[in-house]
Amino acid sequence: MQMTIHASRLYIVMAFGFRVCLCVLVLPCLLAVVAKEEKPLVFRKGNINFTLESLETFCDHDYVEYFRKVPNAGLLYTFRVTRPATAFSIDITGKVLNTQKVMYRTENINGCEFLRNPLMSKVFGIIYKHLVVNGTFFECPIKPKVYFLKNEGTVAVLPSFHPPGRFQISMRVKMAESRQPFVMEMLWKYRVVRIK
């Protein structure tokens, strides 16, 4: 049973972490921008409620000028890449919010490799498919222009079991050419409540 709990935790963190990571593969914002919905997003799957409490983004304003939610457009986000991104890596860390205990950590994921083969994982391929707008898939190098992503499909990747509590997932995009420790960081905070 304990192994099942740990496997389920790892699955949800990986699935949600890669969802977060894909939202910003094309890099967003070191000025904090807090994107909070008027009402928190609540998803239900099986006997759990998943509430996305907040999303904070940070960027260097060098490779990415801005990254923000499109006003009055539901779950649509936009960002502007200002310089070509020929290569980047991604670090994802999942933690229990209150204790900061690390549940999951992966570093130096090759972003361009994933974009070249997004279906290398069924779960991550599904997530990626839900993110793209109008079937426009990303490719490296990421060209300077304005991009859009839809933040949908979270329920599709949630396992029917998840430990209750408050969690955070941090995703950092790094580029060797950047003078900053990271080009962008996103911090998602969410809560899981078991329904009886």
N, C-alpha and C. Protein backbone atom coordinates (compact mmCIF):
# COMPACT_ATOMS: atom_id res chain seq x y z
N MET A 1 0.83 -1.19 0.00
CA MET A 1 0.00 0.00 0.00
C MET A 1 0.87 1.26 0.00
N GLN A 2 1.92 1.27 0.83
CA GLN A 2 2.81 2.42 0.91
C GLN A 2 3.47 2.69 -0.44
N MET A 3 3.88 1.63 -1.14
CA MET A 3 4.50 1.79 -2.46
C MET A 3 3.50 2.38 -3.45
N THR A 4 2.22 1.98 -3.35
CA THR A 4 1.18 2.51 -4.21
C THR A 4 0.99 4.00 -3.96
N ILE A 5 1.01 4.40 -2.70
CA ILE A 5 0.88 5.82 -2.34
C ILE A 5 2.03 6.61 -2.93
N HIS A 6 3.27 6.14 -2.77
CA HIS A 6 4.43 6.86 -3.32
C HIS A 6 4.38 6.90 -4.83
N ALA A 7 3.97 5.80 -5.46
CA ALA A 7 3.87 5.77 -6.93
C ALA A 7 2.81 6.75 -7.41
N SER A 8 1.69 6.83 -6.69
CA SER A 8 0.64 7.78 -7.07
C SER A 8 1.11 9.21 -6.91
N ARG A 9 1.82 9.48 -5.82
CA ARG A 9 2.36 10.83 -5.62
C ARG A 9 3.32 11.20 -6.73
N LEU A 10 4.20 10.28 -7.06
CA LEU A 10 5.16 10.53 -8.12
C LEU A 10 4.44 10.77 -9.44
N TYR A 11 3.41 9.99 -9.73
CA TYR A 11 2.67 10.13 -10.98
C TYR A 11 2.04 11.51 -11.08
N ILE A 12 1.32 11.95 -10.04
CA ILE A 12 0.63 13.25 -10.11
C ILE A 12 1.63 14.38 -10.19
N VAL A 13 2.71 14.31 -9.45
CA VAL A 13 3.70 15.37 -9.50
C VAL A 13 4.35 15.41 -10.87
N MET A 14 4.70 14.25 -11.41
CA MET A 14 5.31 14.22 -12.74
C MET A 14 4.33 14.74 -13.79
N ALA A 15 3.11 14.27 -13.74
CA ALA A 15 2.12 14.68 -14.74
C ALA A 15 1.86 16.17 -14.64
N PHE A 16 1.62 16.67 -13.44
CA PHE A 16 1.34 18.09 -13.30
C PHE A 16 2.59 18.91 -13.53
N GLY A 17 3.73 18.41 -13.08
CA GLY A 17 4.99 19.12 -13.29
C GLY A 17 5.32 19.28 -14.76
N PHE A 18 5.13 18.23 -15.54
CA PHE A 18 5.39 18.36 -16.97
C PHE A 18 4.36 19.24 -17.63
N ARG A 19 3.13 19.24 -17.13
CA ARG A 19 2.12 20.16 -17.66
C ARG A 19 2.59 21.58 -17.44
N VAL A 20 3.05 21.87 -16.24
CA VAL A 20 3.59 23.19 -15.93
C VAL A 20 4.77 23.49 -16.84
N CYS A 21 5.67 22.55 -16.92
CA CYS A 21 6.88 22.74 -17.72
C CYS A 21 6.52 23.03 -19.16
N LEU A 22 5.55 22.34 -19.71
CA LEU A 22 5.19 22.55 -21.10
C LEU A 22 4.54 23.92 -21.30
N CYS A 23 3.85 24.41 -20.28
CA CYS A 23 3.26 25.74 -20.39
C CYS A 23 4.32 26.79 -20.68
N VAL A 24 5.52 26.51 -20.27
CA VAL A 24 6.55 27.53 -20.40
C VAL A 24 7.77 27.04 -21.14
N LEU A 25 7.66 25.98 -21.85
CA LEU A 25 8.80 25.51 -22.62
C LEU A 25 9.34 26.63 -23.48
N VAL A 26 8.46 27.45 -23.89
CA VAL A 26 8.85 28.51 -24.78
C VAL A 26 9.11 29.79 -24.00
N LEU A 27 9.37 29.65 -22.77
CA LEU A 27 9.92 30.61 -21.83
C LEU A 27 9.10 31.78 -21.42
N PRO A 28 8.78 31.91 -20.29
CA PRO A 28 8.24 33.12 -19.78
C PRO A 28 9.05 33.89 -18.75
N CYS A 29 8.77 34.56 -17.32
CA CYS A 29 8.98 35.96 -16.97
C CYS A 29 9.80 36.28 -15.77
N LEU A 30 11.94 37.55 -14.29
CA LEU A 30 12.32 37.61 -12.95
C LEU A 30 11.52 38.66 -12.22
N LEU A 31 10.55 39.26 -12.91
CA LEU A 31 9.57 40.11 -12.26
C LEU A 31 8.38 39.22 -11.96
N ALA A 32 7.93 39.25 -10.71
CA ALA A 32 6.82 38.36 -10.36
C ALA A 32 5.51 38.89 -10.90
N VAL A 33 4.77 38.00 -11.50
CA VAL A 33 3.43 38.29 -11.96
C VAL A 33 2.57 37.19 -11.38
N VAL A 34 1.62 37.55 -10.56
CA VAL A 34 0.77 36.54 -9.96
C VAL A 34 -0.52 36.48 -10.76
N ALA A 35 -0.79 35.31 -11.30
CA ALA A 35 -2.00 35.11 -12.09
C ALA A 35 -2.98 34.33 -11.25
N LYS A 36 -3.90 35.02 -10.62
CA LYS A 36 -4.91 34.36 -9.81
C LYS A 36 -6.26 34.56 -10.46
N GLU A 37 -7.02 33.50 -10.54
CA GLU A 37 -8.37 33.57 -11.07
C GLU A 37 -9.22 34.28 -10.03
N GLU A 38 -10.32 34.92 -10.50
CA GLU A 38 -11.26 35.47 -9.54
C GLU A 38 -11.74 34.36 -8.62
N LYS A 39 -12.03 33.21 -9.22
CA LYS A 39 -12.39 32.02 -8.46
C LYS A 39 -11.29 30.99 -8.73
N PRO A 40 -10.81 30.30 -7.70
CA PRO A 40 -9.80 29.27 -7.97
C PRO A 40 -10.37 28.19 -8.89
N LEU A 41 -9.51 27.63 -9.71
CA LEU A 41 -9.93 26.55 -10.60
C LEU A 41 -10.06 25.28 -9.77
N VAL A 42 -11.22 24.64 -9.84
CA VAL A 42 -11.47 23.41 -9.09
C VAL A 42 -11.83 22.32 -10.09
N PHE A 43 -11.10 21.20 -9.99
CA PHE A 43 -11.36 20.04 -10.83
C PHE A 43 -11.72 18.89 -9.91
N ARG A 44 -12.60 18.02 -10.38
CA ARG A 44 -12.96 16.85 -9.59
C ARG A 44 -12.69 15.60 -10.41
N LYS A 45 -12.06 14.64 -9.76
CA LYS A 45 -11.83 13.34 -10.41
C LYS A 45 -11.97 12.28 -9.34
N GLY A 46 -12.90 11.37 -9.57
CA GLY A 46 -13.14 10.34 -8.57
C GLY A 46 -13.56 10.98 -7.26
N ASN A 47 -12.85 10.61 -6.20
CA ASN A 47 -13.21 11.14 -4.88
C ASN A 47 -12.24 12.24 -4.42
N ILE A 48 -11.62 12.97 -5.35
CA ILE A 48 -10.76 14.08 -4.95
C ILE A 48 -11.15 15.36 -5.67
N ASN A 49 -10.99 16.47 -4.96
CA ASN A 49 -11.09 17.80 -5.54
C ASN A 49 -9.69 18.37 -5.63
N PHE A 50 -9.34 18.88 -6.78
CA PHE A 50 -8.04 19.49 -7.04
C PHE A 50 -8.30 20.98 -7.27
N THR A 51 -7.71 21.85 -6.44
CA THR A 51 -7.91 23.29 -6.57
C THR A 51 -6.58 23.96 -6.90
N LEU A 52 -6.52 24.60 -8.05
CA LEU A 52 -5.35 25.39 -8.41
C LEU A 52 -5.49 26.74 -7.74
N GLU A 53 -4.68 26.98 -6.69
CA GLU A 53 -4.80 28.20 -5.90
C GLU A 53 -4.13 29.39 -6.56
N SER A 54 -2.95 29.18 -7.13
CA SER A 54 -2.26 30.30 -7.76
C SER A 54 -1.17 29.82 -8.70
N LEU A 55 -0.80 30.71 -9.58
CA LEU A 55 0.33 30.51 -10.48
C LEU A 55 1.14 31.80 -10.46
N GLU A 56 2.40 31.69 -10.05
CA GLU A 56 3.29 32.84 -10.06
C GLU A 56 4.34 32.60 -11.14
N THR A 57 4.62 33.64 -11.92
CA THR A 57 5.63 33.51 -12.96
C THR A 57 6.72 34.56 -12.73
N PHE A 58 7.94 34.18 -13.08
CA PHE A 58 9.09 35.06 -12.96
C PHE A 58 9.87 34.94 -14.27
N CYS A 59 10.38 36.04 -14.79
CA CYS A 59 11.18 35.94 -16.02
C CYS A 59 12.28 36.98 -16.03
N ASP A 60 13.20 36.81 -16.96
CA ASP A 60 14.36 37.71 -17.02
C ASP A 60 14.14 38.92 -17.92
N HIS A 61 13.05 38.98 -18.65
CA HIS A 61 12.75 40.08 -19.57
C HIS A 61 13.84 40.28 -20.61
N ASP A 62 14.60 39.27 -20.84
CA ASP A 62 15.63 39.29 -21.88
C ASP A 62 15.18 38.38 -23.01
N TYR A 63 14.99 37.12 -22.72
CA TYR A 63 14.50 36.18 -23.73
C TYR A 63 12.98 36.22 -23.86
N VAL A 64 12.31 36.58 -22.78
CA VAL A 64 10.85 36.67 -22.78
C VAL A 64 10.46 38.03 -22.22
N GLU A 65 9.69 38.76 -23.00
CA GLU A 65 9.27 40.09 -22.57
C GLU A 65 8.16 40.02 -21.53
N TYR A 66 7.17 39.15 -21.77
CA TYR A 66 6.06 38.99 -20.83
C TYR A 66 5.47 37.59 -20.96
N PHE A 67 4.75 37.20 -19.93
CA PHE A 67 3.99 35.95 -19.93
C PHE A 67 2.82 36.19 -19.01
N ARG A 68 1.60 36.13 -19.54
CA ARG A 68 0.43 36.48 -18.72
C ARG A 68 -0.82 35.81 -19.25
N LYS A 69 -1.80 35.81 -18.39
CA LYS A 69 -3.12 35.31 -18.75
C LYS A 69 -3.78 36.35 -19.64
N VAL A 70 -4.44 35.88 -20.69
CA VAL A 70 -5.16 36.79 -21.57
C VAL A 70 -6.45 37.19 -20.87
N PRO A 71 -6.68 38.50 -20.67
CA PRO A 71 -7.89 38.95 -19.97
C PRO A 71 -9.17 38.47 -20.67
N ASN A 72 -10.13 38.06 -19.89
CA ASN A 72 -11.46 37.67 -20.38
C ASN A 72 -11.40 36.57 -21.44
N ALA A 73 -10.40 35.69 -21.35
CA ALA A 73 -10.27 34.62 -22.35
C ALA A 73 -10.16 33.25 -21.71
N GLY A 74 -10.75 33.08 -20.54
CA GLY A 74 -10.72 31.78 -19.89
C GLY A 74 -9.32 31.38 -19.48
N LEU A 75 -8.88 30.23 -19.97
CA LEU A 75 -7.59 29.68 -19.56
C LEU A 75 -6.50 29.90 -20.61
N LEU A 76 -6.62 30.96 -21.38
CA LEU A 76 -5.65 31.25 -22.43
C LEU A 76 -4.54 32.15 -21.89
N TYR A 77 -3.29 31.78 -22.22
CA TYR A 77 -2.11 32.54 -21.80
C TYR A 77 -1.33 32.97 -23.04
N THR A 78 -0.61 34.07 -22.90
CA THR A 78 0.21 34.56 -23.99
C THR A 78 1.59 34.95 -23.46
N PHE A 79 2.58 34.84 -24.31
CA PHE A 79 3.92 35.30 -23.96
C PHE A 79 4.65 35.70 -25.23
N ARG A 80 5.63 36.57 -25.07
CA ARG A 80 6.39 37.06 -26.21
C ARG A 80 7.86 36.72 -26.04
N VAL A 81 8.36 35.90 -26.96
CA VAL A 81 9.77 35.56 -27.00
C VAL A 81 10.47 36.64 -27.82
N THR A 82 11.55 37.22 -27.28
CA THR A 82 12.22 38.33 -27.95
C THR A 82 13.50 37.94 -28.67
N ARG A 83 14.08 36.80 -28.29
CA ARG A 83 15.32 36.33 -28.92
C ARG A 83 15.19 34.84 -29.18
N PRO A 84 15.85 34.33 -30.21
CA PRO A 84 15.73 32.89 -30.50
C PRO A 84 16.24 32.03 -29.33
N ALA A 85 15.52 30.96 -29.09
CA ALA A 85 15.92 30.00 -28.05
C ALA A 85 16.27 28.70 -28.76
N THR A 86 17.55 28.47 -28.95
CA THR A 86 17.99 27.29 -29.70
C THR A 86 18.10 26.04 -28.84
N ALA A 87 18.28 26.23 -27.55
CA ALA A 87 18.37 25.11 -26.62
C ALA A 87 18.00 25.59 -25.22
N PHE A 88 17.35 24.72 -24.47
CA PHE A 88 17.00 25.05 -23.09
C PHE A 88 16.81 23.78 -22.31
N SER A 89 16.94 23.90 -20.99
CA SER A 89 16.69 22.76 -20.12
C SER A 89 15.66 23.16 -19.08
N ILE A 90 15.06 22.15 -18.47
CA ILE A 90 13.95 22.36 -17.53
C ILE A 90 14.23 21.61 -16.24
N ASP A 91 14.02 22.28 -15.12
CA ASP A 91 14.09 21.66 -13.79
C ASP A 91 12.69 21.71 -13.19
N ILE A 92 12.23 20.61 -12.61
CA ILE A 92 10.91 20.55 -11.99
C ILE A 92 11.08 20.02 -10.57
N THR A 93 10.48 20.72 -9.62
CA THR A 93 10.51 20.28 -8.22
C THR A 93 9.10 20.33 -7.65
N GLY A 94 8.64 19.23 -7.08
CA GLY A 94 7.36 19.18 -6.40
C GLY A 94 7.58 19.07 -4.91
N LYS A 95 6.85 19.89 -4.14
CA LYS A 95 7.02 19.92 -2.68
C LYS A 95 5.67 19.95 -1.98
N VAL A 96 5.68 19.46 -0.74
CA VAL A 96 4.55 19.67 0.16
C VAL A 96 4.66 21.13 0.60
N LEU A 97 3.59 21.89 0.46
CA LEU A 97 3.66 23.33 0.69
C LEU A 97 4.03 23.70 2.12
N ASN A 98 3.41 23.08 3.11
CA ASN A 98 3.65 23.46 4.51
C ASN A 98 5.05 23.12 5.00
N THR A 99 5.55 21.95 4.62
CA THR A 99 6.84 21.50 5.15
C THR A 99 8.01 21.71 4.19
N GLN A 100 7.70 22.01 2.93
CA GLN A 100 8.70 22.15 1.87
C GLN A 100 9.46 20.85 1.62
N LYS A 101 8.89 19.73 2.05
CA LYS A 101 9.49 18.43 1.79
C LYS A 101 9.40 18.14 0.29
N VAL A 102 10.54 17.78 -0.30
CA VAL A 102 10.59 17.50 -1.73
C VAL A 102 9.97 16.12 -1.99
N MET A 103 8.96 16.11 -2.85
CA MET A 103 8.31 14.86 -3.25
C MET A 103 8.89 14.35 -4.57
N TYR A 104 9.31 15.27 -5.40
CA TYR A 104 9.79 14.90 -6.73
C TYR A 104 10.75 15.98 -7.22
N ARG A 105 11.82 15.56 -7.85
CA ARG A 105 12.75 16.52 -8.45
C ARG A 105 13.39 15.88 -9.68
N THR A 106 13.38 16.63 -10.75
CA THR A 106 14.11 16.22 -11.94
C THR A 106 14.79 17.46 -12.51
N GLU A 107 16.00 17.27 -13.00
CA GLU A 107 16.78 18.42 -13.47
C GLU A 107 17.30 18.17 -14.87
N ASN A 108 17.52 19.25 -15.58
CA ASN A 108 18.14 19.25 -16.90
C ASN A 108 17.40 18.40 -17.94
N ILE A 109 16.09 18.51 -17.96
CA ILE A 109 15.31 17.88 -19.04
C ILE A 109 15.61 18.67 -20.31
N ASN A 110 15.96 17.98 -21.36
CA ASN A 110 16.26 18.63 -22.63
C ASN A 110 14.95 19.07 -23.29
N GLY A 111 14.67 20.38 -23.27
CA GLY A 111 13.41 20.90 -23.80
C GLY A 111 13.23 20.68 -25.29
N CYS A 112 14.27 20.89 -26.07
CA CYS A 112 14.16 20.70 -27.52
C CYS A 112 13.95 19.24 -27.89
N GLU A 113 14.57 18.34 -27.14
CA GLU A 113 14.39 16.91 -27.40
C GLU A 113 12.92 16.51 -27.18
N PHE A 114 12.34 17.04 -26.11
CA PHE A 114 10.93 16.75 -25.85
C PHE A 114 10.05 17.32 -26.97
N LEU A 115 10.34 18.54 -27.42
CA LEU A 115 9.54 19.13 -28.48
C LEU A 115 9.65 18.34 -29.78
N ARG A 116 10.82 17.76 -30.03
CA ARG A 116 11.00 16.95 -31.24
C ARG A 116 10.20 15.65 -31.17
N ASN A 117 9.98 15.13 -29.95
CA ASN A 117 9.28 13.87 -29.80
C ASN A 117 8.34 13.92 -28.59
N PRO A 118 7.26 14.73 -28.67
CA PRO A 118 6.37 14.89 -27.51
C PRO A 118 5.61 13.63 -27.15
N LEU A 119 5.54 12.68 -28.05
CA LEU A 119 4.79 11.46 -27.76
C LEU A 119 5.66 10.36 -27.17
N MET A 120 6.88 10.73 -26.74
CA MET A 120 7.76 9.73 -26.13
C MET A 120 7.15 9.19 -24.85
N SER A 121 6.22 9.93 -24.28
CA SER A 121 5.47 9.48 -23.12
C SER A 121 4.00 9.72 -23.39
N LYS A 122 3.19 8.70 -23.20
CA LYS A 122 1.75 8.84 -23.45
C LYS A 122 1.16 9.96 -22.59
N VAL A 123 1.50 9.99 -21.30
CA VAL A 123 0.96 11.01 -20.39
C VAL A 123 1.38 12.40 -20.83
N PHE A 124 2.68 12.60 -21.08
CA PHE A 124 3.15 13.93 -21.42
C PHE A 124 2.69 14.35 -22.81
N GLY A 125 2.52 13.39 -23.70
CA GLY A 125 1.98 13.68 -25.03
C GLY A 125 0.56 14.19 -24.94
N ILE A 126 -0.24 13.58 -24.06
CA ILE A 126 -1.63 14.03 -23.85
C ILE A 126 -1.64 15.44 -23.29
N ILE A 127 -0.78 15.70 -22.32
CA ILE A 127 -0.71 17.04 -21.72
C ILE A 127 -0.35 18.07 -22.78
N TYR A 128 0.67 17.77 -23.56
CA TYR A 128 1.13 18.69 -24.60
C TYR A 128 0.02 18.98 -25.60
N LYS A 129 -0.72 17.95 -25.97
CA LYS A 129 -1.83 18.12 -26.92
C LYS A 129 -2.88 19.08 -26.38
N HIS A 130 -3.12 19.04 -25.07
CA HIS A 130 -4.10 19.95 -24.45
C HIS A 130 -3.60 21.38 -24.37
N LEU A 131 -2.30 21.59 -24.42
CA LEU A 131 -1.74 22.93 -24.29
C LEU A 131 -1.74 23.75 -25.57
N VAL A 132 -1.59 23.08 -26.68
CA VAL A 132 -1.43 23.82 -27.93
C VAL A 132 -2.75 24.46 -28.36
N VAL A 133 -2.62 25.59 -29.03
CA VAL A 133 -3.78 26.34 -29.51
C VAL A 133 -3.85 26.16 -31.02
N ASN A 134 -5.00 25.78 -31.51
CA ASN A 134 -5.23 25.62 -32.95
C ASN A 134 -4.25 24.64 -33.60
N GLY A 135 -3.82 23.63 -32.86
CA GLY A 135 -2.92 22.61 -33.43
C GLY A 135 -1.53 23.11 -33.76
N THR A 136 -1.14 24.24 -33.21
CA THR A 136 0.18 24.80 -33.48
C THR A 136 1.19 24.27 -32.48
N PHE A 137 1.98 23.27 -32.88
CA PHE A 137 2.98 22.68 -32.00
C PHE A 137 4.27 23.48 -32.08
N PHE A 138 5.02 23.50 -30.99
CA PHE A 138 6.27 24.25 -30.92
C PHE A 138 7.42 23.43 -31.47
N GLU A 139 8.44 24.10 -31.94
CA GLU A 139 9.65 23.43 -32.40
C GLU A 139 10.85 24.31 -32.11
N CYS A 140 11.99 23.67 -31.94
CA CYS A 140 13.24 24.39 -31.70
C CYS A 140 13.91 24.68 -33.03
N PRO A 141 14.54 25.82 -33.18
CA PRO A 141 14.62 26.88 -32.17
C PRO A 141 13.28 27.60 -32.02
N ILE A 142 13.01 28.05 -30.81
CA ILE A 142 11.82 28.84 -30.55
C ILE A 142 12.09 30.22 -31.14
N LYS A 143 11.25 30.63 -32.07
CA LYS A 143 11.47 31.89 -32.78
C LYS A 143 10.88 33.06 -32.01
N PRO A 144 11.47 34.25 -32.15
CA PRO A 144 10.91 35.44 -31.51
C PRO A 144 9.53 35.78 -32.09
N LYS A 145 8.53 35.74 -31.27
CA LYS A 145 7.16 36.15 -31.65
C LYS A 145 6.26 35.95 -30.44
N VAL A 146 5.00 36.26 -30.61
CA VAL A 146 4.00 36.08 -29.56
C VAL A 146 3.40 34.69 -29.69
N TYR A 147 3.29 33.98 -28.54
CA TYR A 147 2.75 32.63 -28.51
C TYR A 147 1.54 32.58 -27.59
N PHE A 148 0.70 31.58 -27.81
CA PHE A 148 -0.47 31.34 -26.97
C PHE A 148 -0.49 29.89 -26.52
N LEU A 149 -0.95 29.69 -25.29
CA LEU A 149 -1.15 28.35 -24.74
C LEU A 149 -2.48 28.33 -24.02
N LYS A 150 -3.15 27.18 -24.05
CA LYS A 150 -4.36 27.04 -23.25
C LYS A 150 -4.05 26.11 -22.09
N ASN A 151 -4.45 26.50 -20.93
CA ASN A 151 -4.16 25.74 -19.72
C ASN A 151 -5.35 24.83 -19.42
N GLU A 152 -5.54 23.81 -20.26
CA GLU A 152 -6.67 22.90 -20.11
C GLU A 152 -6.18 21.47 -19.99
N GLY A 153 -7.07 20.59 -19.65
CA GLY A 153 -6.75 19.17 -19.64
C GLY A 153 -6.20 18.65 -18.34
N THR A 154 -6.21 19.45 -17.29
CA THR A 154 -5.65 19.00 -16.02
C THR A 154 -6.35 17.76 -15.49
N VAL A 155 -7.67 17.72 -15.59
CA VAL A 155 -8.42 16.57 -15.07
C VAL A 155 -8.04 15.30 -15.82
N ALA A 156 -7.73 15.40 -17.09
CA ALA A 156 -7.41 14.22 -17.89
C ALA A 156 -6.16 13.51 -17.39
N VAL A 157 -5.24 14.23 -16.76
CA VAL A 157 -3.98 13.61 -16.34
C VAL A 157 -3.90 13.34 -14.85
N LEU A 158 -4.91 13.72 -14.11
CA LEU A 158 -4.89 13.45 -12.67
C LEU A 158 -5.21 11.99 -12.40
N PRO A 159 -4.44 11.34 -11.55
CA PRO A 159 -4.81 9.97 -11.17
C PRO A 159 -6.01 10.01 -10.24
N SER A 160 -6.72 8.91 -10.12
CA SER A 160 -7.89 8.89 -9.25
C SER A 160 -7.49 8.87 -7.77
N PHE A 161 -6.19 8.66 -7.48
CA PHE A 161 -5.71 8.73 -6.11
C PHE A 161 -4.61 9.79 -6.02
N HIS A 162 -4.74 10.65 -5.05
CA HIS A 162 -3.71 11.66 -4.78
C HIS A 162 -3.77 11.93 -3.29
N PRO A 163 -2.64 12.05 -2.62
CA PRO A 163 -2.69 12.35 -1.19
C PRO A 163 -3.28 13.74 -0.96
N PRO A 164 -4.07 13.89 0.10
CA PRO A 164 -4.64 15.21 0.38
C PRO A 164 -3.56 16.16 0.93
N GLY A 165 -3.80 17.44 0.79
CA GLY A 165 -2.89 18.45 1.32
C GLY A 165 -2.68 19.58 0.32
N ARG A 166 -1.72 20.44 0.67
CA ARG A 166 -1.37 21.57 -0.20
C ARG A 166 0.03 21.32 -0.75
N PHE A 167 0.20 21.60 -2.03
CA PHE A 167 1.43 21.29 -2.72
C PHE A 167 1.86 22.46 -3.60
N GLN A 168 3.12 22.44 -3.99
CA GLN A 168 3.61 23.41 -4.97
C GLN A 168 4.53 22.71 -5.95
N ILE A 169 4.49 23.18 -7.17
CA ILE A 169 5.41 22.67 -8.18
C ILE A 169 6.12 23.87 -8.79
N SER A 170 7.43 23.78 -8.77
CA SER A 170 8.26 24.82 -9.35
C SER A 170 8.87 24.29 -10.63
N MET A 171 8.83 25.10 -11.67
CA MET A 171 9.43 24.74 -12.94
C MET A 171 10.35 25.89 -13.36
N ARG A 172 11.60 25.55 -13.60
CA ARG A 172 12.57 26.55 -14.04
C ARG A 172 13.08 26.19 -15.43
N VAL A 173 13.11 27.19 -16.29
CA VAL A 173 13.69 27.03 -17.62
C VAL A 173 15.05 27.72 -17.59
N LYS A 174 16.06 26.99 -18.04
CA LYS A 174 17.43 27.53 -18.02
C LYS A 174 17.99 27.53 -19.44
N MET A 175 18.80 28.53 -19.71
CA MET A 175 19.48 28.61 -20.99
C MET A 175 20.94 28.96 -20.74
N ALA A 176 21.84 28.26 -21.40
CA ALA A 176 23.27 28.49 -21.21
C ALA A 176 23.65 29.92 -21.60
N GLU A 177 22.96 30.50 -22.57
CA GLU A 177 23.29 31.86 -23.03
C GLU A 177 22.87 32.95 -22.05
N SER A 178 21.97 32.64 -21.15
CA SER A 178 21.46 33.64 -20.22
C SER A 178 22.44 33.89 -19.08
N ARG A 179 22.54 35.12 -18.66
CA ARG A 179 23.38 35.47 -17.51
C ARG A 179 22.67 35.20 -16.19
N GLN A 180 21.37 34.94 -16.26
CA GLN A 180 20.56 34.68 -15.07
C GLN A 180 20.64 33.20 -14.69
N PRO A 181 20.41 32.88 -13.42
CA PRO A 181 20.42 31.46 -13.02
C PRO A 181 19.29 30.68 -13.70
N PHE A 182 18.23 31.36 -14.06
CA PHE A 182 17.16 30.75 -14.85
C PHE A 182 16.53 31.84 -15.69
N VAL A 183 16.01 31.44 -16.83
CA VAL A 183 15.34 32.39 -17.71
C VAL A 183 13.93 32.63 -17.21
N MET A 184 13.36 31.61 -16.63
CA MET A 184 11.99 31.70 -16.18
C MET A 184 11.71 30.69 -15.09
N GLU A 185 10.82 31.06 -14.21
CA GLU A 185 10.33 30.13 -13.20
C GLU A 185 8.83 30.31 -13.06
N MET A 186 8.14 29.19 -12.92
CA MET A 186 6.71 29.21 -12.62
C MET A 186 6.50 28.45 -11.32
N LEU A 187 5.64 28.96 -10.48
CA LEU A 187 5.35 28.33 -9.21
C LEU A 187 3.85 28.14 -9.10
N TRP A 188 3.43 26.88 -9.14
CA TRP A 188 2.03 26.52 -9.02
C TRP A 188 1.76 26.07 -7.59
N LYS A 189 0.68 26.57 -7.01
CA LYS A 189 0.25 26.11 -5.69
C LYS A 189 -1.14 25.53 -5.84
N TYR A 190 -1.31 24.32 -5.28
CA TYR A 190 -2.60 23.67 -5.42
C TYR A 190 -2.93 22.87 -4.16
N ARG A 191 -4.22 22.56 -4.02
CA ARG A 191 -4.72 21.83 -2.85
C ARG A 191 -5.52 20.63 -3.33
N VAL A 192 -5.36 19.53 -2.60
CA VAL A 192 -6.11 18.32 -2.90
C VAL A 192 -6.93 17.96 -1.67
N VAL A 193 -8.23 17.77 -1.88
CA VAL A 193 -9.14 17.40 -0.78
C VAL A 193 -9.88 16.14 -1.19
N ARG A 194 -9.88 15.17 -0.29
CA ARG A 194 -10.60 13.92 -0.54
C ARG A 194 -12.08 14.13 -0.19
N ILE A 195 -12.96 13.74 -1.10
CA ILE A 195 -14.41 13.85 -0.92
C ILE A 195 -14.92 12.52 -0.34
N LYS A 196 -15.72 12.60 0.69
CA LYS A 196 -16.24 11.36 1.31
C LYS A 196 -17.61 11.05 0.77
